[in-house]
Each structure stands twice: as structure tokens, then as C-alpha cells.
Amino acid sequence: LHPFVLPVARTLPLPTVEQHIKTAAHEFFTRTHLWQVDLDPVTYRGGDIELDLPTGSDLVKVLSVASDGDDYAWITEVVADGVLRFVGVTPDIGKTLSISVALTPSVQASTWAMPAEFKRYAKDVAFGVLASMAALDELLARTYDLHSRRFEERIKTLSLVAARGRTR
């Protein structure tokens, strides 16, 4: 995403740009559900199921939990990051479950990359980055002007005080 973002983001530090990229990609995939993955089949042993999600991803939604043509997704809830629990009815012990999920890139991941298969959405994500940075850039510009004016006023005031011989 850097080629789409960095030429416009000259005034912002690179860590800020990186955070905006992560946030925009996270929002894009959270809202679109475009990143869908069929997880490796799981044999149900009772209790909660810890989902084996790809590194650097967050779970957005469980799309299906199927076994022998039955879909159990409607009786599941996510109780923690990547932990699935059946509510009320449960599949039989020993059943093999096929689980499909929608994911999003994790904003907290230390090593982060948008999945390669979604490079075709890079411009879409970049538009989100640029929109959020434009709002931030305006805020920074206004804040800079405000602090700059205050700084200049303070210099003038202290210069007058010093000229009159009164220092604090």
C-alpha cells in the first residue's frame, strides 16, 4: 500500500502512516467480509473449540460450522479471541466439523501484511487510509497553527516583560 499512500502522506511520520494503513485495512475487511477462510476440519470433543486462525488475523464472523450437511453456526457464539462455544444444542462428540470464517488483518499484530490475494483491493484500502489521514492532517495543521500562534504570543509577552525588567 505504500506506493498509493506515501506520496500523499509526506507530512506524517511513517509509524503514523503504518497505523492508518492497518486501521483502514482492518475496517475494510471487517465491513466487507471479503477475507473468507475454510479452516482445517476439527473433530468435536465437547466444550469450546479453539479456532486455528491465520497469524496476524482477527475473527470477524463465523460463517458456517457444518457436519454431515447440518449447519451449527446459528447455535455458536464467539466467547474470546478465536474461541467458539455452542449454545444449547451441540454436535455429537467425534463429529468432524468444517468451519468457515470471515477474517480481518489484526491491527495489533507486530508483523503485519495484507493477504497477497487481496492486492486487487489495495486502492480501495488506500482510499480509506488517505481519507483518515486527510482528517488527521487537517487537525495537525490546525493544531500546529494554534500552538505556533501561542508560542509566538508567549515570546512577545516574555520579550516585553524582560524589556521592562520584570522576569519571573
C-alpha atoms as a PDB file:
ATOM      1  CA  LEU A   1       0.000   0.000   0.000  1.00  0.00           C
ATOM      2  CA  HIS A   2       2.957   2.340   0.403  1.00  0.00           C
ATOM      3  CA  PRO A   3       3.055   3.384  -3.290  1.00  0.00           C
ATOM      4  CA  PHE A   4      -0.558   4.592  -3.001  1.00  0.00           C
ATOM      5  CA  VAL A   5      -0.168   6.315   0.356  1.00  0.00           C
ATOM      6  CA  LEU A   6       3.342   7.680   0.895  1.00  0.00           C
ATOM      7  CA  PRO A   7       3.350  10.276  -1.917  1.00  0.00           C
ATOM      8  CA  VAL A   8       0.313  11.926  -0.299  1.00  0.00           C
ATOM      9  CA  ALA A   9       1.444  11.460   3.311  1.00  0.00           C
ATOM     10  CA  ARG A  10       4.652  13.461   3.173  1.00  0.00           C
ATOM     11  CA  THR A  11       3.788  15.435   6.323  1.00  0.00           C
ATOM     12  CA  LEU A  12       3.111  12.446   8.559  1.00  0.00           C
ATOM     13  CA  PRO A  13       5.694  10.225  10.266  1.00  0.00           C
ATOM     14  CA  LEU A  14       5.996   6.668   8.915  1.00  0.00           C
ATOM     15  CA  PRO A  15       4.656   4.981  12.112  1.00  0.00           C
ATOM     16  CA  THR A  16       1.513   7.110  11.837  1.00  0.00           C
ATOM     17  CA  VAL A  17       1.091   6.137   8.191  1.00  0.00           C
ATOM     18  CA  GLU A  18       1.603   2.448   9.084  1.00  0.00           C
ATOM     19  CA  GLN A  19      -1.068   2.654  11.799  1.00  0.00           C
ATOM     20  CA  HIS A  20      -3.509   4.280   9.367  1.00  0.00           C
ATOM     21  CA  ILE A  21      -2.853   1.523   6.822  1.00  0.00           C
ATOM     22  CA  LYS A  22      -3.526  -1.174   9.446  1.00  0.00           C
ATOM     23  CA  THR A  23      -6.670   0.562  10.645  1.00  0.00           C
ATOM     24  CA  ALA A  24      -8.064   1.125   7.132  1.00  0.00           C
ATOM     25  CA  ALA A  25      -7.383  -2.473   6.056  1.00  0.00           C
ATOM     26  CA  HIS A  26      -8.930  -3.757   9.302  1.00  0.00           C
ATOM     27  CA  GLU A  27     -12.067  -1.687   8.742  1.00  0.00           C
ATOM     28  CA  PHE A  28     -12.273  -2.606   5.044  1.00  0.00           C
ATOM     29  CA  PHE A  29     -12.186  -6.364   5.653  1.00  0.00           C
ATOM     30  CA  THR A  30     -14.356  -6.158   8.776  1.00  0.00           C
ATOM     31  CA  ARG A  31     -17.114  -4.406   6.866  1.00  0.00           C
ATOM     32  CA  THR A  32     -16.857  -6.341   3.579  1.00  0.00           C
ATOM     33  CA  HIS A  33     -16.221  -9.909   4.863  1.00  0.00           C
ATOM     34  CA  LEU A  34     -14.089 -10.410   1.741  1.00  0.00           C
ATOM     35  CA  TRP A  35     -11.398 -12.405   3.552  1.00  0.00           C
ATOM     36  CA  GLN A  36     -13.101 -15.770   3.992  1.00  0.00           C
ATOM     37  CA  VAL A  37     -11.233 -18.881   5.068  1.00  0.00           C
ATOM     38  CA  ASP A  38     -12.202 -22.538   5.402  1.00  0.00           C
ATOM     39  CA  LEU A  39     -10.305 -23.669   8.480  1.00  0.00           C
ATOM     40  CA  ASP A  40      -8.825 -27.153   8.812  1.00  0.00           C
ATOM     41  CA  PRO A  41     -11.524 -29.663   9.869  1.00  0.00           C
ATOM     42  CA  VAL A  42     -11.931 -30.076  13.648  1.00  0.00           C
ATOM     43  CA  THR A  43     -13.082 -33.184  15.480  1.00  0.00           C
ATOM     44  CA  TYR A  44     -15.582 -32.089  18.151  1.00  0.00           C
ATOM     45  CA  ARG A  45     -14.532 -33.318  21.597  1.00  0.00           C
ATOM     46  CA  GLY A  46     -17.057 -31.344  23.630  1.00  0.00           C
ATOM     47  CA  GLY A  47     -16.794 -27.886  25.168  1.00  0.00           C
ATOM     48  CA  ASP A  48     -15.268 -24.865  23.477  1.00  0.00           C
ATOM     49  CA  ILE A  49     -13.402 -25.027  20.183  1.00  0.00           C
ATOM     50  CA  GLU A  50     -10.218 -23.020  19.787  1.00  0.00           C
ATOM     51  CA  LEU A  51     -10.077 -21.928  16.174  1.00  0.00           C
ATOM     52  CA  ASP A  52      -6.694 -22.093  14.432  1.00  0.00           C
ATOM     53  CA  LEU A  53      -6.766 -18.674  12.763  1.00  0.00           C
ATOM     54  CA  PRO A  54      -4.004 -17.494  10.431  1.00  0.00           C
ATOM     55  CA  THR A  55      -1.256 -15.475  12.123  1.00  0.00           C
ATOM     56  CA  GLY A  56      -1.935 -11.739  12.080  1.00  0.00           C
ATOM     57  CA  SER A  57      -5.697 -12.098  11.645  1.00  0.00           C
ATOM     58  CA  ASP A  58      -8.735 -11.343  13.796  1.00  0.00           C
ATOM     59  CA  LEU A  59     -12.052 -13.162  13.601  1.00  0.00           C
ATOM     60  CA  VAL A  60     -14.886 -11.051  12.200  1.00  0.00           C
ATOM     61  CA  LYS A  61     -17.667 -13.612  11.887  1.00  0.00           C
ATOM     62  CA  VAL A  62     -18.271 -17.358  11.907  1.00  0.00           C
ATOM     63  CA  LEU A  63     -19.893 -18.051   8.546  1.00  0.00           C
ATOM     64  CA  SER A  64     -20.604 -21.756   8.941  1.00  0.00           C
ATOM     65  CA  VAL A  65     -19.965 -24.686  11.248  1.00  0.00           C
ATOM     66  CA  ALA A  66     -21.065 -27.754   9.302  1.00  0.00           C
ATOM     67  CA  SER A  67     -21.042 -31.504   9.751  1.00  0.00           C
ATOM     68  CA  ASP A  68     -22.826 -34.083   7.609  1.00  0.00           C
ATOM     69  CA  GLY A  69     -24.919 -31.383   5.941  1.00  0.00           C
ATOM     70  CA  ASP A  70     -26.036 -29.775   9.212  1.00  0.00           C
ATOM     71  CA  ASP A  71     -25.005 -26.174   9.862  1.00  0.00           C
ATOM     72  CA  TYR A  72     -24.441 -25.334  13.534  1.00  0.00           C
ATOM     73  CA  ALA A  73     -23.326 -21.722  13.060  1.00  0.00           C
ATOM     74  CA  TRP A  74     -26.642 -20.390  14.350  1.00  0.00           C
ATOM     75  CA  ILE A  75     -26.036 -22.037  17.749  1.00  0.00           C
ATOM     76  CA  THR A  76     -22.471 -20.809  18.206  1.00  0.00           C
ATOM     77  CA  GLU A  77     -21.019 -17.744  19.857  1.00  0.00           C
ATOM     78  CA  VAL A  78     -17.501 -16.400  19.986  1.00  0.00           C
ATOM     79  CA  VAL A  79     -16.539 -16.198  23.660  1.00  0.00           C
ATOM     80  CA  ALA A  80     -12.930 -14.995  23.268  1.00  0.00           C
ATOM     81  CA  ASP A  81     -10.418 -14.340  20.506  1.00  0.00           C
ATOM     82  CA  GLY A  82     -10.794 -17.378  18.288  1.00  0.00           C
ATOM     83  CA  VAL A  83     -12.765 -19.449  20.819  1.00  0.00           C
ATOM     84  CA  LEU A  84     -16.116 -20.831  19.694  1.00  0.00           C
ATOM     85  CA  ARG A  85     -18.817 -22.144  22.038  1.00  0.00           C
ATOM     86  CA  PHE A  86     -22.028 -23.991  21.238  1.00  0.00           C
ATOM     87  CA  VAL A  87     -25.131 -22.625  22.927  1.00  0.00           C
ATOM     88  CA  GLY A  88     -27.825 -25.139  23.811  1.00  0.00           C
ATOM     89  CA  VAL A  89     -27.561 -27.870  21.169  1.00  0.00           C
ATOM     90  CA  THR A  90     -24.129 -29.349  20.445  1.00  0.00           C
ATOM     91  CA  PRO A  91     -22.905 -31.675  17.720  1.00  0.00           C
ATOM     92  CA  ASP A  92     -22.273 -35.285  18.653  1.00  0.00           C
ATOM     93  CA  ILE A  93     -18.862 -35.978  20.165  1.00  0.00           C
ATOM     94  CA  GLY A  94     -16.458 -37.211  17.489  1.00  0.00           C
ATOM     95  CA  LYS A  95     -18.148 -35.396  14.602  1.00  0.00           C
ATOM     96  CA  THR A  96     -15.844 -33.678  12.154  1.00  0.00           C
ATOM     97  CA  LEU A  97     -16.713 -30.002  11.801  1.00  0.00           C
ATOM     98  CA  SER A  98     -15.967 -27.837   8.772  1.00  0.00           C
ATOM     99  CA  ILE A  99     -15.702 -24.215   9.862  1.00  0.00           C
ATOM    100  CA  SER A 100     -15.711 -21.149   7.587  1.00  0.00           C
ATOM    101  CA  VAL A 101     -14.905 -17.713   8.960  1.00  0.00           C
ATOM    102  CA  ALA A 102     -14.535 -14.116   7.826  1.00  0.00           C
ATOM    103  CA  LEU A 103     -11.258 -12.513   8.945  1.00  0.00           C
ATOM    104  CA  THR A 104      -9.602  -9.134   9.053  1.00  0.00           C
ATOM    105  CA  PRO A 105      -5.935  -8.184   9.414  1.00  0.00           C
ATOM    106  CA  SER A 106      -5.138  -7.579  13.074  1.00  0.00           C
ATOM    107  CA  VAL A 107      -4.307  -4.009  13.993  1.00  0.00           C
ATOM    108  CA  GLN A 108      -2.219  -5.228  16.966  1.00  0.00           C
ATOM    109  CA  ALA A 109      -0.070  -7.695  15.011  1.00  0.00           C
ATOM    110  CA  SER A 110       3.623  -6.811  15.181  1.00  0.00           C
ATOM    111  CA  THR A 111       4.313  -8.400  11.794  1.00  0.00           C
ATOM    112  CA  TRP A 112       1.503  -7.266   9.582  1.00  0.00           C
ATOM    113  CA  ALA A 113       0.682  -7.687   5.940  1.00  0.00           C
ATOM    114  CA  MET A 114      -2.465  -7.535   3.892  1.00  0.00           C
ATOM    115  CA  PRO A 115      -3.044 -11.017   2.437  1.00  0.00           C
ATOM    116  CA  ALA A 116      -1.436 -11.242  -1.012  1.00  0.00           C
ATOM    117  CA  GLU A 117      -4.643 -12.492  -2.632  1.00  0.00           C
ATOM    118  CA  PHE A 118      -6.273  -9.141  -1.786  1.00  0.00           C
ATOM    119  CA  LYS A 119      -3.779  -6.873  -3.539  1.00  0.00           C
ATOM    120  CA  ARG A 120      -6.555  -6.074  -6.007  1.00  0.00           C
ATOM    121  CA  TYR A 121      -8.249  -4.165  -3.155  1.00  0.00           C
ATOM    122  CA  ALA A 122      -5.130  -2.121  -2.355  1.00  0.00           C
ATOM    123  CA  LYS A 123      -6.513   1.064  -3.939  1.00  0.00           C
ATOM    124  CA  ASP A 124      -9.807   0.662  -2.044  1.00  0.00           C
ATOM    125  CA  VAL A 125      -7.957   0.329   1.252  1.00  0.00           C
ATOM    126  CA  ALA A 126      -5.647   3.208   0.285  1.00  0.00           C
ATOM    127  CA  PHE A 127      -8.667   5.488  -0.217  1.00  0.00           C
ATOM    128  CA  GLY A 128      -9.649   4.745   3.385  1.00  0.00           C
ATOM    129  CA  VAL A 129      -6.102   5.477   4.556  1.00  0.00           C
ATOM    130  CA  LEU A 130      -5.957   8.758   2.660  1.00  0.00           C
ATOM    131  CA  ALA A 131      -9.381   9.853   3.918  1.00  0.00           C
ATOM    132  CA  SER A 132      -8.441   9.246   7.547  1.00  0.00           C
ATOM    133  CA  MET A 133      -5.030  10.874   7.117  1.00  0.00           C
ATOM    134  CA  ALA A 134      -6.572  13.921   5.438  1.00  0.00           C
ATOM    135  CA  ALA A 135      -8.740  14.413   8.509  1.00  0.00           C
ATOM    136  CA  LEU A 136      -5.703  13.934  10.732  1.00  0.00           C
ATOM    137  CA  ASP A 137      -3.568  16.195   8.551  1.00  0.00           C
ATOM    138  CA  GLU A 138      -6.160  18.998   8.856  1.00  0.00           C
ATOM    139  CA  LEU A 139      -6.216  18.514  12.604  1.00  0.00           C
ATOM    140  CA  LEU A 140      -2.431  18.575  12.744  1.00  0.00           C
ATOM    141  CA  ALA A 141      -2.345  21.701  10.593  1.00  0.00           C
ATOM    142  CA  ARG A 142      -4.889  23.472  12.812  1.00  0.00           C
ATOM    143  CA  THR A 143      -3.156  22.289  15.965  1.00  0.00           C
ATOM    144  CA  TYR A 144       0.213  23.400  14.614  1.00  0.00           C
ATOM    145  CA  ASP A 145      -1.189  26.842  13.758  1.00  0.00           C
ATOM    146  CA  LEU A 146      -2.785  27.179  17.190  1.00  0.00           C
ATOM    147  CA  HIS A 147       0.393  26.158  19.019  1.00  0.00           C
ATOM    148  CA  SER A 148       2.525  28.254  16.697  1.00  0.00           C
ATOM    149  CA  ARG A 149       0.398  31.358  17.426  1.00  0.00           C
ATOM    150  CA  ARG A 150       0.503  30.646  21.170  1.00  0.00           C
ATOM    151  CA  PHE A 151       4.256  30.203  21.007  1.00  0.00           C
ATOM    152  CA  GLU A 152       4.724  33.487  19.136  1.00  0.00           C
ATOM    153  CA  GLU A 153       2.402  35.333  21.559  1.00  0.00           C
ATOM    154  CA  ARG A 154       4.290  33.898  24.503  1.00  0.00           C
ATOM    155  CA  ILE A 155       7.620  35.034  23.023  1.00  0.00           C
ATOM    156  CA  LYS A 156       6.246  38.571  22.528  1.00  0.00           C
ATOM    157  CA  THR A 157       4.835  38.690  26.075  1.00  0.00           C
ATOM    158  CA  LEU A 158       8.036  37.439  27.664  1.00  0.00           C
ATOM    159  CA  SER A 159      10.099  39.809  25.491  1.00  0.00           C
ATOM    160  CA  LEU A 160       8.046  42.779  26.802  1.00  0.00           C
ATOM    161  CA  VAL A 161       8.365  41.553  30.392  1.00  0.00           C
ATOM    162  CA  ALA A 162      12.118  41.165  30.022  1.00  0.00           C
ATOM    163  CA  ALA A 163      12.380  44.616  28.356  1.00  0.00           C
ATOM    164  CA  ARG A 164      10.594  46.200  31.329  1.00  0.00           C
ATOM    165  CA  GLY A 165      12.935  44.420  33.721  1.00  0.00           C
ATOM    166  CA  ARG A 166      10.315  42.166  35.214  1.00  0.00           C
ATOM    167  CA  THR A 167      11.214  38.492  34.999  1.00  0.00           C
ATOM    168  CA  ARG A 168       9.522  35.626  36.715  1.00  0.00           C
END
